């Protein structure tokens, strides 16, 4: 069983560096508004909230399937630092991450092929969202 877990973790490692790099670029490239300009939303809020939700889902599923890290939670924390949102917007971002986590927490209690397929789909969606945010709103 341990060997199976290691194999699943190894399979999941494919693409990790790419999404981490893209998410980091997204976090660093998106410019936070100056304090005087902070509002409840920004033009890319919907995509950013979805990215937070995707990160929550990936965090749960990857750890369920053998990854033992907080990499995806740390990506979320990096987004919060980069965005420096006002309290209400920050709470919405965190709620999105938690919703993504809980969505799969309520469905998967063990790693399955379906869970691995969901990881692949969410990794791709995360890459796409990060790229879209960066291309459209980054410097």
C-alpha atoms as a PDB file:
ATOM      1  CA  UNK A   1       0.000   0.000   0.000  1.00  0.00           C
ATOM      2  CA  UNK A   2       2.875   2.412   0.786  1.00  0.00           C
ATOM      3  CA  UNK A   3       4.431   1.762  -2.610  1.00  0.00           C
ATOM      4  CA  UNK A   4       1.078   2.541  -4.244  1.00  0.00           C
ATOM      5  CA  UNK A   5       0.934   5.845  -2.347  1.00  0.00           C
ATOM      6  CA  UNK A   6       4.449   6.735  -3.440  1.00  0.00           C
ATOM      7  CA  UNK A   7       3.576   5.913  -7.047  1.00  0.00           C
ATOM      8  CA  UNK A   8       0.481   8.125  -6.845  1.00  0.00           C
ATOM      9  CA  UNK A   9       2.530  10.930  -5.309  1.00  0.00           C
ATOM     10  CA  UNK A  10       5.117  10.557  -8.059  1.00  0.00           C
ATOM     11  CA  UNK A  11       2.436  10.708 -10.714  1.00  0.00           C
ATOM     12  CA  UNK A  12       0.994  13.846  -9.159  1.00  0.00           C
ATOM     13  CA  UNK A  13       4.382  15.543  -9.103  1.00  0.00           C
ATOM     14  CA  UNK A  14       4.169  15.932 -12.884  1.00  0.00           C
ATOM     15  CA  UNK A  15       3.145  19.470 -13.618  1.00  0.00           C
ATOM     16  CA  UNK A  16       3.564  20.672 -10.044  1.00  0.00           C
ATOM     17  CA  UNK A  17       6.529  22.858 -10.854  1.00  0.00           C
ATOM     18  CA  UNK A  18       4.649  24.472 -13.740  1.00  0.00           C
ATOM     19  CA  UNK A  19       1.543  25.387 -11.767  1.00  0.00           C
ATOM     20  CA  UNK A  20       3.609  26.586  -8.817  1.00  0.00           C
ATOM     21  CA  UNK A  21       5.639  28.780 -11.158  1.00  0.00           C
ATOM     22  CA  UNK A  22       2.573  30.141 -12.906  1.00  0.00           C
ATOM     23  CA  UNK A  23       0.734  30.765  -9.635  1.00  0.00           C
ATOM     24  CA  UNK A  24       3.807  32.491  -8.219  1.00  0.00           C
ATOM     25  CA  UNK A  25       4.094  34.623 -11.348  1.00  0.00           C
ATOM     26  CA  UNK A  26       0.416  35.465 -11.038  1.00  0.00           C
ATOM     27  CA  UNK A  27       0.824  36.452  -7.426  1.00  0.00           C
ATOM     28  CA  UNK A  28       3.862  38.584  -8.154  1.00  0.00           C
ATOM     29  CA  UNK A  29       2.599  40.088 -11.401  1.00  0.00           C
ATOM     30  CA  UNK A  30      -0.842  41.198 -10.295  1.00  0.00           C
ATOM     31  CA  UNK A  31      -0.487  44.655  -8.905  1.00  0.00           C
ATOM     32  CA  UNK A  32      -2.375  45.474  -5.761  1.00  0.00           C
ATOM     33  CA  UNK A  33      -4.094  48.825  -5.764  1.00  0.00           C
ATOM     34  CA  UNK A  34      -2.629  51.614  -3.664  1.00  0.00           C
ATOM     35  CA  UNK A  35      -4.281  51.911  -0.214  1.00  0.00           C
ATOM     36  CA  UNK A  36      -6.316  54.935  -1.297  1.00  0.00           C
ATOM     37  CA  UNK A  37      -7.677  52.941  -4.262  1.00  0.00           C
ATOM     38  CA  UNK A  38      -8.650  49.764  -2.400  1.00  0.00           C
ATOM     39  CA  UNK A  39     -12.230  48.760  -3.039  1.00  0.00           C
ATOM     40  CA  UNK A  40     -14.382  45.740  -2.347  1.00  0.00           C
ATOM     41  CA  UNK A  41     -13.588  44.253  -5.753  1.00  0.00           C
ATOM     42  CA  UNK A  42     -11.102  44.540  -8.580  1.00  0.00           C
ATOM     43  CA  UNK A  43     -11.674  43.653 -12.258  1.00  0.00           C
ATOM     44  CA  UNK A  44     -10.050  40.229 -11.874  1.00  0.00           C
ATOM     45  CA  UNK A  45     -11.809  39.317  -8.629  1.00  0.00           C
ATOM     46  CA  UNK A  46     -13.999  36.552 -10.073  1.00  0.00           C
ATOM     47  CA  UNK A  47     -10.979  34.777 -11.575  1.00  0.00           C
ATOM     48  CA  UNK A  48      -8.924  35.320  -8.428  1.00  0.00           C
ATOM     49  CA  UNK A  49     -11.700  33.872  -6.234  1.00  0.00           C
ATOM     50  CA  UNK A  50     -11.941  30.875  -8.527  1.00  0.00           C
ATOM     51  CA  UNK A  51      -8.155  30.438  -8.395  1.00  0.00           C
ATOM     52  CA  UNK A  52      -8.356  30.472  -4.590  1.00  0.00           C
ATOM     53  CA  UNK A  53     -11.066  27.793  -4.742  1.00  0.00           C
ATOM     54  CA  UNK A  54      -8.986  25.695  -7.143  1.00  0.00           C
ATOM     55  CA  UNK A  55      -5.973  25.968  -4.821  1.00  0.00           C
ATOM     56  CA  UNK A  56      -8.135  24.722  -1.920  1.00  0.00           C
ATOM     57  CA  UNK A  57      -9.308  21.754  -3.972  1.00  0.00           C
ATOM     58  CA  UNK A  58      -5.794  20.900  -5.086  1.00  0.00           C
ATOM     59  CA  UNK A  59      -4.517  21.234  -1.516  1.00  0.00           C
ATOM     60  CA  UNK A  60      -7.031  18.678  -0.250  1.00  0.00           C
ATOM     61  CA  UNK A  61      -6.728  16.217  -3.125  1.00  0.00           C
ATOM     62  CA  UNK A  62      -2.940  16.243  -3.414  1.00  0.00           C
ATOM     63  CA  UNK A  63      -2.544  15.603   0.305  1.00  0.00           C
ATOM     64  CA  UNK A  64      -5.208  12.902   0.180  1.00  0.00           C
ATOM     65  CA  UNK A  65      -3.245  11.182  -2.575  1.00  0.00           C
ATOM     66  CA  UNK A  66       0.139  11.174  -0.892  1.00  0.00           C
ATOM     67  CA  UNK A  67       1.657  14.644  -1.101  1.00  0.00           C
ATOM     68  CA  UNK A  68       2.618  15.728   2.382  1.00  0.00           C
ATOM     69  CA  UNK A  69       3.066  19.445   2.098  1.00  0.00           C
ATOM     70  CA  UNK A  70       1.335  22.762   2.507  1.00  0.00           C
ATOM     71  CA  UNK A  71       2.495  23.957  -0.914  1.00  0.00           C
ATOM     72  CA  UNK A  72      -1.012  24.921  -2.111  1.00  0.00           C
ATOM     73  CA  UNK A  73      -1.963  26.610   1.158  1.00  0.00           C
ATOM     74  CA  UNK A  74       1.311  28.544   0.919  1.00  0.00           C
ATOM     75  CA  UNK A  75       0.389  29.572  -2.638  1.00  0.00           C
ATOM     76  CA  UNK A  76      -2.867  30.908  -1.233  1.00  0.00           C
ATOM     77  CA  UNK A  77      -1.018  32.774   1.497  1.00  0.00           C
ATOM     78  CA  UNK A  78       1.267  34.231  -1.180  1.00  0.00           C
ATOM     79  CA  UNK A  79      -1.755  35.492  -3.100  1.00  0.00           C
ATOM     80  CA  UNK A  80      -3.088  37.132   0.056  1.00  0.00           C
ATOM     81  CA  UNK A  81       0.245  38.830   0.693  1.00  0.00           C
ATOM     82  CA  UNK A  82       0.524  40.017  -2.924  1.00  0.00           C
ATOM     83  CA  UNK A  83      -3.042  41.273  -3.082  1.00  0.00           C
ATOM     84  CA  UNK A  84      -3.077  42.792   0.418  1.00  0.00           C
ATOM     85  CA  UNK A  85      -6.888  42.903   0.247  1.00  0.00           C
ATOM     86  CA  UNK A  86      -9.111  44.856   2.575  1.00  0.00           C
ATOM     87  CA  UNK A  87     -10.658  42.655   5.310  1.00  0.00           C
ATOM     88  CA  UNK A  88     -13.917  41.808   3.544  1.00  0.00           C
ATOM     89  CA  UNK A  89     -12.198  40.863   0.296  1.00  0.00           C
ATOM     90  CA  UNK A  90      -9.597  38.875   2.221  1.00  0.00           C
ATOM     91  CA  UNK A  91     -12.382  36.956   3.943  1.00  0.00           C
ATOM     92  CA  UNK A  92     -13.971  36.183   0.546  1.00  0.00           C
ATOM     93  CA  UNK A  93     -10.652  34.877  -0.799  1.00  0.00           C
ATOM     94  CA  UNK A  94     -10.158  32.640   2.237  1.00  0.00           C
ATOM     95  CA  UNK A  95     -13.774  31.442   2.018  1.00  0.00           C
ATOM     96  CA  UNK A  96     -13.166  30.492  -1.622  1.00  0.00           C
ATOM     97  CA  UNK A  97     -10.080  28.463  -0.700  1.00  0.00           C
ATOM     98  CA  UNK A  98     -11.979  26.733   2.109  1.00  0.00           C
ATOM     99  CA  UNK A  99     -14.960  26.011  -0.155  1.00  0.00           C
ATOM    100  CA  UNK A 100     -12.628  24.319  -2.646  1.00  0.00           C
ATOM    101  CA  UNK A 101     -11.112  22.247   0.151  1.00  0.00           C
ATOM    102  CA  UNK A 102     -14.487  21.250   1.624  1.00  0.00           C
ATOM    103  CA  UNK A 103     -15.963  20.388  -1.766  1.00  0.00           C
ATOM    104  CA  UNK A 104     -13.656  17.406  -2.064  1.00  0.00           C
ATOM    105  CA  UNK A 105     -13.354  16.734   1.668  1.00  0.00           C
ATOM    106  CA  UNK A 106     -17.034  15.771   1.587  1.00  0.00           C
ATOM    107  CA  UNK A 107     -16.633  13.512  -1.474  1.00  0.00           C
ATOM    108  CA  UNK A 108     -13.267  11.731  -1.232  1.00  0.00           C
ATOM    109  CA  UNK A 109     -11.944   9.996   1.870  1.00  0.00           C
ATOM    110  CA  UNK A 110      -9.378   7.909  -0.007  1.00  0.00           C
ATOM    111  CA  UNK A 111      -7.329   8.558  -3.113  1.00  0.00           C
ATOM    112  CA  UNK A 112      -8.989   7.090  -6.171  1.00  0.00           C
ATOM    113  CA  UNK A 113      -8.471   7.328  -9.918  1.00  0.00           C
ATOM    114  CA  UNK A 114     -11.333   9.839  -9.969  1.00  0.00           C
ATOM    115  CA  UNK A 115      -9.554  11.945  -7.352  1.00  0.00           C
ATOM    116  CA  UNK A 116      -6.375  11.860  -9.439  1.00  0.00           C
ATOM    117  CA  UNK A 117      -8.358  12.871 -12.519  1.00  0.00           C
ATOM    118  CA  UNK A 118      -9.847  15.768 -10.545  1.00  0.00           C
ATOM    119  CA  UNK A 119      -6.320  16.839  -9.536  1.00  0.00           C
ATOM    120  CA  UNK A 120      -5.300  16.878 -13.196  1.00  0.00           C
ATOM    121  CA  UNK A 121      -8.359  18.939 -14.187  1.00  0.00           C
ATOM    122  CA  UNK A 122      -7.877  21.424 -11.368  1.00  0.00           C
ATOM    123  CA  UNK A 123      -4.156  21.749 -12.034  1.00  0.00           C
ATOM    124  CA  UNK A 124      -4.957  22.664 -15.638  1.00  0.00           C
ATOM    125  CA  UNK A 125      -7.676  25.089 -14.574  1.00  0.00           C
ATOM    126  CA  UNK A 126      -5.290  26.690 -12.073  1.00  0.00           C
ATOM    127  CA  UNK A 127      -2.630  27.127 -14.764  1.00  0.00           C
ATOM    128  CA  UNK A 128      -5.214  28.664 -17.100  1.00  0.00           C
ATOM    129  CA  UNK A 129      -6.561  31.072 -14.469  1.00  0.00           C
ATOM    130  CA  UNK A 130      -3.079  32.145 -13.403  1.00  0.00           C
ATOM    131  CA  UNK A 131      -2.098  32.739 -17.024  1.00  0.00           C
ATOM    132  CA  UNK A 132      -5.289  34.708 -17.776  1.00  0.00           C
ATOM    133  CA  UNK A 133      -4.936  36.923 -14.714  1.00  0.00           C
ATOM    134  CA  UNK A 134      -1.284  37.573 -15.396  1.00  0.00           C
ATOM    135  CA  UNK A 135      -1.728  38.231 -19.119  1.00  0.00           C
ATOM    136  CA  UNK A 136      -4.657  40.568 -18.694  1.00  0.00           C
ATOM    137  CA  UNK A 137      -3.947  42.364 -15.430  1.00  0.00           C
ATOM    138  CA  UNK A 138      -0.243  41.838 -14.697  1.00  0.00           C
ATOM    139  CA  UNK A 139       2.425  44.386 -15.432  1.00  0.00           C
END
